[in-house]
Amino acid sequence: MVGLLAWACERVMPQTARLPDGSEMVLQGATYGAGTEHRYLVGRPWQKLLFRLLPARYKRRSGSRPVFYVSNDAEKRLILWTLRGRVPATLRWEARAVTVDDDGNEFEPEPTRFALQPEPLELAEAWSFQTFPRRGRSFKLRIYCRASRGPWLKSAEFRVENPVRRAYPIWEPEALPLSRRAGGIELTITNVLTGVTEQGTQIRVAEAGEGLSTFIAGRLKGAGESTVGWEVRAVALSDATGNRWKPQNQIFDRQGDEVALKINGGLSPSERAWKFEVELARTAAANFTPAELWRVGGVAAPAAGQFVLTPETTVRDGVKYQFVGLSRELAIIPDALQIAPTPYYVIRATPKLPLGMEITLVEARGSHGESVRVESSSTAESADATEVCARLKPLPADGRIDFTFAIQRTRSVEFLAKPKRAGVKP
């Protein structure tokens, strides 16, 4: 079904551009829709027609080839398909893509790039976007290239028909500062700045081709409840056209009551307002009730290249939580065909984790009393399960590890605010 949707949503005629490495990039088309798998036929229009008409054993002779993009979730996304010919044997040039609206604003919320080589000297690429310009009749796909970590160079532009164009509402922003309460916790947003990047410890205006970030500053105070052990866990951005962006990589900092959050990417500053959905959660320093805790004891420290499976499960409010296992470096993860670059654990929630619930590592200790901490974590969702993966450091060389988790309910607040655009006077 997803494949049929993809074939039906082709939105562009092939367009060609030459890249700095001498290769030729052709924008083959676009697909838009929900599903974990998108499909596309690369080739000339008449080759695609032949592929569909010919019997299976002759399809390869058509000159057209099917390519696929597989995601970890079933969210709606726009996939822009490009095919590069005359690709050098050694790829020394990096490429990245952004979409550009009618005002020249670049959308780059960490677009996902999936590449495969269907034929020698060819490179098929699927550029996945969850957010893109939606108000205009069309928008641009802009390709940047760089060699050996040099400056990003604007190398190609293609025109794409908007697959979801219609009349959208206009959201009106509230003036900053804005305060909201979640139980006995009050969060105030004092400033939002977008279109910036970091250089060392300094923040400056992002230049063309650089990855941009959005910074949010505010205060977290008690309103009848202590804020000890509370933090801003994540922020999701959305706009009136249906764009929604919740990046995996968010950096949170707290100094007393002052809080700061950095998000990779952002939405269009041309929108009058963005909606900020802010999630507040407790850290390991909080006081959890016994009913919120889940202890997984005696997990063997894996050997090099090993993934240790465990039978540990618990059921809370109709959701089954399974501590799938623990890996060492270069271990092959079962059922995922992935190689773990660093030690991490995997927890699976079935059905998928309810909205507003979170799994937090409170404590992990080895047989000799050594403390193990979470370095980073990520979450992946399917239609019927949620998987939480957390990288651990340092992982004991031997013995066993005792884990204590908190299955907690988070709190959330919403704001409608107009971000300031760096380098532009209000």
Protein backbone atom coordinates (compact mmCIF):
# COMPACT_ATOMS: atom_id res chain seq x y z
CA MET A 1 0.00 0.00 0.00
CA VAL A 2 2.81 2.37 0.85
CA GLY A 3 4.44 1.56 -2.45
CA LEU A 4 1.25 2.40 -4.35
CA LEU A 5 1.04 5.71 -2.49
CA ALA A 6 4.62 6.52 -3.43
CA TRP A 7 4.06 5.82 -7.14
CA ALA A 8 0.95 8.00 -7.13
CA CYS A 9 2.61 11.04 -5.57
CA GLU A 10 5.35 11.83 -8.07
CA ARG A 11 5.44 15.63 -8.11
CA VAL A 12 8.33 16.83 -10.22
CA MET A 13 9.70 16.45 -13.71
CA PRO A 14 13.35 15.35 -13.87
CA GLN A 15 15.79 18.26 -13.47
CA THR A 16 19.59 18.06 -13.80
CA ALA A 17 22.57 19.88 -12.24
CA ARG A 18 26.33 19.29 -12.25
CA LEU A 19 28.04 19.05 -8.85
CA PRO A 20 31.61 20.16 -8.01
CA ASP A 21 32.94 16.59 -8.12
CA GLY A 22 31.89 16.30 -11.77
CA SER A 23 28.89 14.08 -11.11
CA GLU A 24 25.46 14.89 -12.54
CA MET A 25 22.55 15.03 -10.10
CA VAL A 26 19.02 14.51 -11.41
CA LEU A 27 16.00 15.27 -9.26
CA GLN A 28 13.90 12.30 -10.24
CA GLY A 29 10.76 13.03 -8.29
CA ALA A 30 9.05 13.27 -4.91
CA THR A 31 6.82 11.11 -2.76
CA TYR A 32 4.77 12.25 0.21
CA GLY A 33 2.81 10.26 2.75
CA ALA A 34 2.83 8.13 5.87
CA GLY A 35 4.42 4.72 6.25
CA THR A 36 7.71 3.13 7.17
CA GLU A 37 8.64 2.40 3.54
CA HIS A 38 8.68 4.71 0.52
CA ARG A 39 9.42 3.43 -2.99
CA TYR A 40 10.44 5.13 -6.19
CA LEU A 41 11.42 4.15 -9.72
CA VAL A 42 14.54 5.92 -10.97
CA GLY A 43 15.05 6.40 -14.69
CA ARG A 44 13.56 8.31 -17.62
CA PRO A 45 9.74 8.48 -17.92
CA TRP A 46 9.63 5.97 -20.76
CA GLN A 47 11.90 3.58 -18.83
CA LYS A 48 9.58 3.76 -15.81
CA LEU A 49 6.61 2.99 -18.04
CA LEU A 50 8.41 -0.03 -19.49
CA PHE A 51 9.29 -1.25 -15.98
CA ARG A 52 5.61 -1.26 -15.01
CA LEU A 53 4.47 -2.96 -18.21
CA LEU A 54 7.13 -5.66 -18.61
CA PRO A 55 6.89 -9.08 -16.94
CA ALA A 56 9.04 -9.50 -13.83
CA ARG A 57 11.84 -11.37 -15.58
CA TYR A 58 12.28 -8.55 -18.14
CA LYS A 59 11.89 -5.51 -15.89
CA ARG A 60 15.63 -4.99 -15.50
CA ARG A 61 15.96 -4.52 -19.26
CA SER A 62 13.76 -1.40 -19.02
CA GLY A 63 16.68 0.64 -17.65
CA SER A 64 14.56 1.70 -14.66
CA ARG A 65 15.26 0.49 -11.12
CA PRO A 66 13.20 0.61 -7.90
CA VAL A 67 14.79 2.25 -4.84
CA PHE A 68 13.49 2.29 -1.29
CA TYR A 69 13.56 4.48 1.80
CA VAL A 70 12.80 2.87 5.19
CA SER A 71 12.17 4.91 8.34
CA ASN A 72 11.84 3.98 12.02
CA ASP A 73 8.34 5.45 12.28
CA ALA A 74 5.19 5.88 10.24
CA GLU A 75 5.12 9.71 10.33
CA LYS A 76 4.20 11.62 7.19
CA ARG A 77 7.29 12.77 5.35
CA LEU A 78 8.39 14.19 2.04
CA ILE A 79 11.01 12.16 0.19
CA LEU A 80 12.93 13.87 -2.62
CA TRP A 81 14.66 11.33 -4.85
CA THR A 82 17.88 12.17 -6.67
CA LEU A 83 20.09 10.07 -8.91
CA ARG A 84 23.75 10.96 -9.45
CA GLY A 85 25.59 9.73 -12.51
CA ARG A 86 29.30 9.75 -13.34
CA VAL A 87 30.08 9.46 -9.64
CA PRO A 88 33.84 9.30 -8.96
CA ALA A 89 35.10 5.97 -7.65
CA THR A 90 36.15 7.72 -4.42
CA LEU A 91 33.50 10.02 -2.98
CA ARG A 92 35.47 12.93 -1.51
CA TRP A 93 32.66 15.48 -1.58
CA GLU A 94 29.99 15.58 1.10
CA ALA A 95 26.47 16.67 0.18
CA ARG A 96 23.59 17.99 2.25
CA ALA A 97 20.15 19.30 1.35
CA VAL A 98 17.76 21.99 2.53
CA THR A 99 14.37 23.15 1.31
CA VAL A 100 13.88 26.88 0.68
CA ASP A 101 10.65 28.90 0.89
CA ASP A 102 9.61 31.94 -1.17
CA ASP A 103 11.28 34.31 1.33
CA GLY A 104 14.63 32.53 1.03
CA ASN A 105 14.38 30.81 4.43
CA GLU A 106 16.07 27.43 4.56
CA PHE A 107 14.41 24.48 6.29
CA GLU A 108 16.98 22.10 7.65
CA PRO A 109 15.65 20.12 10.58
CA GLU A 110 18.32 17.41 10.24
CA PRO A 111 17.03 15.92 6.96
CA THR A 112 17.75 12.22 6.66
CA ARG A 113 19.77 11.08 3.65
CA PHE A 114 19.68 7.46 2.51
CA ALA A 115 21.99 6.47 -0.34
CA LEU A 116 22.47 3.31 -2.35
CA GLN A 117 24.34 2.39 -5.50
CA PRO A 118 21.99 0.59 -7.93
CA GLU A 119 24.57 0.58 -10.73
CA PRO A 120 28.35 1.25 -10.99
CA LEU A 121 29.13 4.99 -11.04
CA GLU A 122 25.54 5.75 -9.93
CA LEU A 123 24.27 6.96 -6.57
CA ALA A 124 20.56 7.04 -5.72
CA GLU A 125 19.72 9.30 -2.78
CA ALA A 126 16.50 9.72 -0.80
CA TRP A 127 16.31 13.04 1.08
CA SER A 128 13.70 12.78 3.83
CA PHE A 129 12.00 15.90 5.23
CA GLN A 130 9.40 15.99 8.00
CA THR A 131 9.11 19.79 7.66
CA PHE A 132 9.20 21.85 4.47
CA PRO A 133 7.60 25.03 3.03
CA ARG A 134 3.85 24.42 2.67
CA ARG A 135 2.22 27.79 1.87
CA GLY A 136 3.57 28.41 -1.63
CA ARG A 137 2.76 26.70 -4.90
CA SER A 138 6.31 25.34 -5.00
CA PHE A 139 9.64 25.53 -3.17
CA LYS A 140 13.30 24.83 -3.86
CA LEU A 141 15.52 21.89 -3.01
CA ARG A 142 19.01 23.31 -2.49
CA ILE A 143 22.11 21.08 -2.45
CA TYR A 144 25.31 22.12 -0.67
CA CYS A 145 28.63 20.32 -1.20
CA ARG A 146 32.02 20.51 0.45
CA ALA A 147 35.37 18.77 0.12
CA SER A 148 37.58 17.68 3.03
CA ARG A 149 35.59 19.62 5.63
CA GLY A 150 35.96 22.87 3.72
CA PRO A 151 33.22 25.49 3.42
CA TRP A 152 29.80 24.41 2.21
CA LEU A 153 29.19 25.56 -1.38
CA LYS A 154 25.75 26.08 -2.90
CA SER A 155 25.97 23.56 -5.73
CA ALA A 156 22.50 22.91 -7.14
CA GLU A 157 18.88 24.02 -6.92
CA PHE A 158 15.72 22.28 -8.09
CA ARG A 159 12.10 23.44 -8.14
CA VAL A 160 9.59 21.15 -6.36
CA GLU A 161 5.81 21.36 -6.56
CA ASN A 162 4.24 21.61 -3.09
CA PRO A 163 2.31 18.34 -2.46
CA VAL A 164 0.19 19.81 0.39
CA ARG A 165 -0.59 23.34 -0.80
CA ARG A 166 -3.84 24.82 0.53
CA ALA A 167 -5.08 27.75 2.62
CA TYR A 168 -3.62 27.53 6.14
CA PRO A 169 -4.59 29.55 9.23
CA ILE A 170 -2.38 32.27 10.71
CA TRP A 171 -1.32 31.84 14.33
CA GLU A 172 -0.91 34.99 16.41
CA PRO A 173 2.01 35.01 18.88
CA GLU A 174 1.97 36.09 22.50
CA ALA A 175 4.57 38.57 23.72
CA LEU A 176 7.57 37.27 25.65
CA PRO A 177 8.15 36.57 28.48
CA LEU A 178 5.48 33.85 28.71
CA SER A 179 4.77 31.72 31.79
CA ARG A 180 2.92 28.42 32.08
CA ARG A 181 2.28 26.10 35.04
CA ALA A 182 2.42 22.32 35.07
CA GLY A 183 1.26 21.21 38.49
CA GLY A 184 3.43 22.97 41.03
CA ILE A 185 6.16 23.85 38.46
CA GLU A 186 6.22 27.12 36.51
CA LEU A 187 8.20 27.55 33.28
CA THR A 188 8.81 30.99 31.80
CA ILE A 189 10.21 31.47 28.29
CA THR A 190 12.13 34.73 28.04
CA ASN A 191 13.80 34.52 24.63
CA VAL A 192 13.79 32.44 21.43
CA LEU A 193 16.55 32.93 18.85
CA THR A 194 16.79 31.03 15.55
CA GLY A 195 19.14 31.05 12.56
CA VAL A 196 22.30 30.75 14.66
CA THR A 197 25.20 28.33 14.98
CA GLU A 198 27.93 27.62 17.52
CA GLN A 199 31.63 28.25 16.96
CA GLY A 200 33.52 27.02 20.00
CA THR A 201 31.81 28.68 22.94
CA GLN A 202 30.43 31.54 20.83
CA ILE A 203 27.02 31.84 19.15
CA ARG A 204 26.88 33.64 15.82
CA VAL A 205 24.59 34.08 12.82
CA ALA A 206 24.55 30.96 10.64
CA GLU A 207 25.91 31.58 7.18
CA ALA A 208 24.47 30.09 4.01
CA GLY A 209 25.01 26.36 3.96
CA GLU A 210 25.76 26.01 7.67
CA GLY A 211 23.52 23.94 9.90
CA LEU A 212 21.39 26.29 11.95
CA SER A 213 20.08 25.96 15.49
CA THR A 214 17.37 27.43 17.70
CA PHE A 215 18.11 28.56 21.25
CA ILE A 216 15.46 28.91 23.97
CA ALA A 217 16.10 30.69 27.29
CA GLY A 218 13.85 30.77 30.33
CA ARG A 219 13.31 30.17 34.04
CA LEU A 220 12.07 27.12 35.95
CA LYS A 221 10.57 27.90 39.34
CA GLY A 222 8.51 26.20 41.97
CA ALA A 223 4.87 27.21 42.31
CA GLY A 224 4.02 25.19 45.37
CA GLU A 225 6.43 22.37 44.53
CA SER A 226 10.21 22.02 44.61
CA THR A 227 11.97 22.06 41.23
CA VAL A 228 14.86 19.91 42.53
CA GLY A 229 15.36 17.05 40.09
CA TRP A 230 13.23 18.63 37.34
CA GLU A 231 14.46 19.63 33.90
CA VAL A 232 13.24 20.51 30.43
CA ARG A 233 13.41 17.13 28.73
CA ALA A 234 12.43 18.06 25.19
CA VAL A 235 10.78 20.67 23.00
CA ALA A 236 8.69 20.06 19.87
CA LEU A 237 8.18 22.89 17.38
CA SER A 238 5.15 23.21 15.12
CA ASP A 239 3.52 25.83 12.89
CA ALA A 240 0.09 26.57 11.45
CA THR A 241 0.81 24.69 8.20
CA GLY A 242 1.22 21.30 9.87
CA ASN A 243 5.00 21.22 10.18
CA ARG A 244 6.14 19.58 13.42
CA TRP A 245 9.74 19.04 14.46
CA LYS A 246 11.06 17.22 17.53
CA PRO A 247 14.77 16.56 17.05
CA GLN A 248 16.52 13.73 18.85
CA ASN A 249 19.52 15.89 19.73
CA GLN A 250 18.55 18.56 22.25
CA ILE A 251 21.02 20.05 24.72
CA PHE A 252 19.61 21.26 28.05
CA ASP A 253 21.42 23.34 30.67
CA ARG A 254 20.27 24.62 34.02
CA GLN A 255 21.99 27.08 36.36
CA GLY A 256 19.79 27.69 39.38
CA ASP A 257 16.42 28.89 38.07
CA GLU A 258 17.84 29.80 34.64
CA VAL A 259 17.37 27.21 31.89
CA ALA A 260 18.63 27.06 28.30
CA LEU A 261 17.90 24.64 25.47
CA LYS A 262 19.54 24.19 22.08
CA ILE A 263 17.65 22.53 19.22
CA ASN A 264 19.20 21.52 15.91
CA GLY A 265 17.18 23.09 13.10
CA GLY A 266 14.01 25.14 13.27
CA LEU A 267 10.95 26.18 11.30
CA SER A 268 10.42 29.16 8.99
CA PRO A 269 10.85 32.55 10.68
CA SER A 270 8.35 33.86 8.12
CA GLU A 271 5.59 32.19 10.15
CA ARG A 272 4.00 34.68 12.55
CA ALA A 273 4.19 32.20 15.41
CA TRP A 274 5.64 28.85 16.36
CA LYS A 275 4.07 26.54 18.88
CA PHE A 276 6.50 25.28 21.53
CA GLU A 277 5.44 22.03 23.23
CA VAL A 278 7.75 21.77 26.24
CA GLU A 279 8.08 18.51 28.14
CA LEU A 280 9.22 18.59 31.78
CA ALA A 281 10.54 15.46 33.49
CA ARG A 282 12.32 14.37 36.63
CA THR A 283 15.96 13.35 36.63
CA ALA A 284 17.68 10.64 38.65
CA ALA A 285 18.07 13.18 41.47
CA ALA A 286 14.31 13.32 42.05
CA ASN A 287 12.42 11.41 44.73
CA PHE A 288 10.43 8.70 42.97
CA THR A 289 7.78 6.64 44.70
CA PRO A 290 8.33 2.85 45.06
CA ALA A 291 5.45 2.29 42.60
CA GLU A 292 7.36 4.21 39.91
CA LEU A 293 10.59 2.19 40.22
CA TRP A 294 11.60 -0.94 38.28
CA ARG A 295 14.69 -2.86 39.33
CA VAL A 296 16.55 -5.09 36.88
CA GLY A 297 19.29 -6.88 38.78
CA GLY A 298 22.22 -9.12 37.96
CA VAL A 299 22.64 -8.36 34.25
CA ALA A 300 25.93 -9.91 33.12
CA ALA A 301 28.48 -7.45 31.76
CA PRO A 302 28.87 -8.51 28.09
CA ALA A 303 32.16 -9.56 26.59
CA ALA A 304 33.64 -7.81 23.54
CA GLY A 305 31.24 -7.98 20.59
CA GLN A 306 28.51 -9.60 22.70
CA PHE A 307 24.87 -8.66 23.24
CA VAL A 308 23.48 -10.18 26.48
CA LEU A 309 19.75 -10.96 26.25
CA THR A 310 17.63 -10.88 29.41
CA PRO A 311 14.12 -12.16 30.30
CA GLU A 312 13.39 -9.17 32.57
CA THR A 313 9.92 -7.64 32.12
CA THR A 314 7.35 -5.64 34.06
CA VAL A 315 3.80 -4.53 33.29
CA ARG A 316 2.58 -1.05 34.27
CA ASP A 317 -0.88 0.28 33.36
CA GLY A 318 -1.30 -2.27 30.59
CA VAL A 319 2.12 -1.66 29.00
CA LYS A 320 4.77 -4.38 28.99
CA TYR A 321 8.32 -3.14 29.50
CA GLN A 322 11.11 -5.54 28.50
CA PHE A 323 14.79 -5.05 29.25
CA VAL A 324 15.87 -6.60 25.95
CA GLY A 325 19.58 -6.68 26.68
CA LEU A 326 22.95 -5.04 27.09
CA SER A 327 25.70 -4.72 24.49
CA ARG A 328 29.44 -4.23 24.35
CA GLU A 329 31.22 -2.36 21.52
CA LEU A 330 30.80 -3.84 18.02
CA ALA A 331 28.02 -6.19 19.16
CA ILE A 332 25.39 -7.22 16.61
CA ILE A 333 21.95 -6.21 17.91
CA PRO A 334 19.39 -9.04 17.47
CA ASP A 335 16.44 -8.39 15.11
CA ALA A 336 17.92 -5.04 14.07
CA LEU A 337 20.99 -6.04 12.06
CA GLN A 338 22.86 -3.13 13.58
CA ILE A 339 26.32 -2.94 15.13
CA ALA A 340 26.53 -1.13 18.47
CA PRO A 341 29.35 1.46 18.27
CA THR A 342 29.37 1.81 22.07
CA PRO A 343 27.89 -0.13 25.01
CA TYR A 344 24.17 0.45 25.46
CA TYR A 345 20.98 -1.13 26.74
CA VAL A 346 17.67 -1.59 24.91
CA ILE A 347 14.23 -1.40 26.52
CA ARG A 348 11.10 -2.20 24.51
CA ALA A 349 7.60 -1.05 25.50
CA THR A 350 4.64 -2.93 24.00
CA PRO A 351 2.28 -1.45 22.92
CA LYS A 352 4.16 1.76 22.28
CA LEU A 353 4.90 4.05 25.19
CA PRO A 354 1.81 6.13 26.03
CA LEU A 355 2.00 9.88 25.47
CA GLY A 356 3.53 11.56 28.52
CA MET A 357 5.31 8.46 29.85
CA GLU A 358 9.08 8.06 30.03
CA ILE A 359 11.68 5.53 31.18
CA THR A 360 14.52 7.10 33.20
CA LEU A 361 17.66 5.38 34.48
CA VAL A 362 17.89 6.27 38.17
CA GLU A 363 20.97 4.21 39.04
CA ALA A 364 23.24 1.51 37.61
CA ARG A 365 26.05 -0.14 39.59
CA GLY A 366 28.52 -2.91 38.91
CA SER A 367 29.46 -5.82 41.17
CA HIS A 368 32.33 -3.80 42.67
CA GLY A 369 30.16 -0.76 43.40
CA GLU A 370 31.23 1.21 40.32
CA SER A 371 28.67 3.66 38.96
CA VAL A 372 27.50 3.47 35.34
CA ARG A 373 25.90 6.52 33.73
CA VAL A 374 23.91 7.26 30.58
CA GLU A 375 25.93 9.20 28.00
CA SER A 376 23.11 9.65 25.47
CA SER A 377 19.81 8.05 24.54
CA SER A 378 17.42 7.77 21.62
CA THR A 379 13.85 6.58 21.09
CA ALA A 380 12.35 4.84 18.07
CA GLU A 381 8.65 4.10 17.58
CA SER A 382 6.74 1.71 15.38
CA ALA A 383 3.00 1.20 15.16
CA ASP A 384 2.97 -1.18 18.14
CA ALA A 385 6.16 -0.65 20.16
CA THR A 386 8.65 1.89 21.49
CA GLU A 387 12.36 1.12 21.83
CA VAL A 388 14.60 3.16 24.10
CA CYS A 389 18.36 2.81 23.57
CA ALA A 390 20.83 4.41 25.97
CA ARG A 391 24.60 4.50 25.65
CA LEU A 392 26.43 3.68 28.86
CA LYS A 393 29.77 4.85 30.20
CA PRO A 394 31.82 3.34 31.67
CA LEU A 395 30.68 -0.27 31.33
CA PRO A 396 32.35 -2.69 33.82
CA ALA A 397 34.71 -5.19 32.22
CA ASP A 398 33.20 -8.11 34.11
CA GLY A 399 30.74 -9.06 36.82
CA ARG A 400 27.10 -8.05 36.92
CA ILE A 401 25.20 -4.78 36.81
CA ASP A 402 22.10 -3.77 38.79
CA PHE A 403 19.78 -1.25 37.13
CA THR A 404 17.03 0.88 38.70
CA PHE A 405 14.61 2.62 36.34
CA ALA A 406 11.74 5.02 36.93
CA ILE A 407 8.65 4.71 34.74
CA GLN A 408 7.38 8.24 35.16
CA ARG A 409 4.68 10.53 33.86
CA THR A 410 6.05 13.76 32.42
CA ARG A 411 4.37 17.17 32.39
CA SER A 412 3.96 19.50 29.44
CA VAL A 413 3.16 23.12 28.67
CA GLU A 414 2.59 25.00 25.39
CA PHE A 415 3.52 28.47 24.14
CA LEU A 416 2.75 30.43 20.97
CA ALA A 417 5.67 32.79 20.36
CA LYS A 418 7.48 34.56 17.55
CA PRO A 419 11.18 33.62 17.40
CA LYS A 420 13.77 36.29 16.83
CA ARG A 421 15.81 35.75 13.68
CA ALA A 422 19.52 36.29 14.26
CA GLY A 423 20.99 39.17 12.28
CA VAL A 424 17.58 40.70 11.47
CA LYS A 425 16.38 43.84 13.22
CA PRO A 426 12.90 43.55 14.77
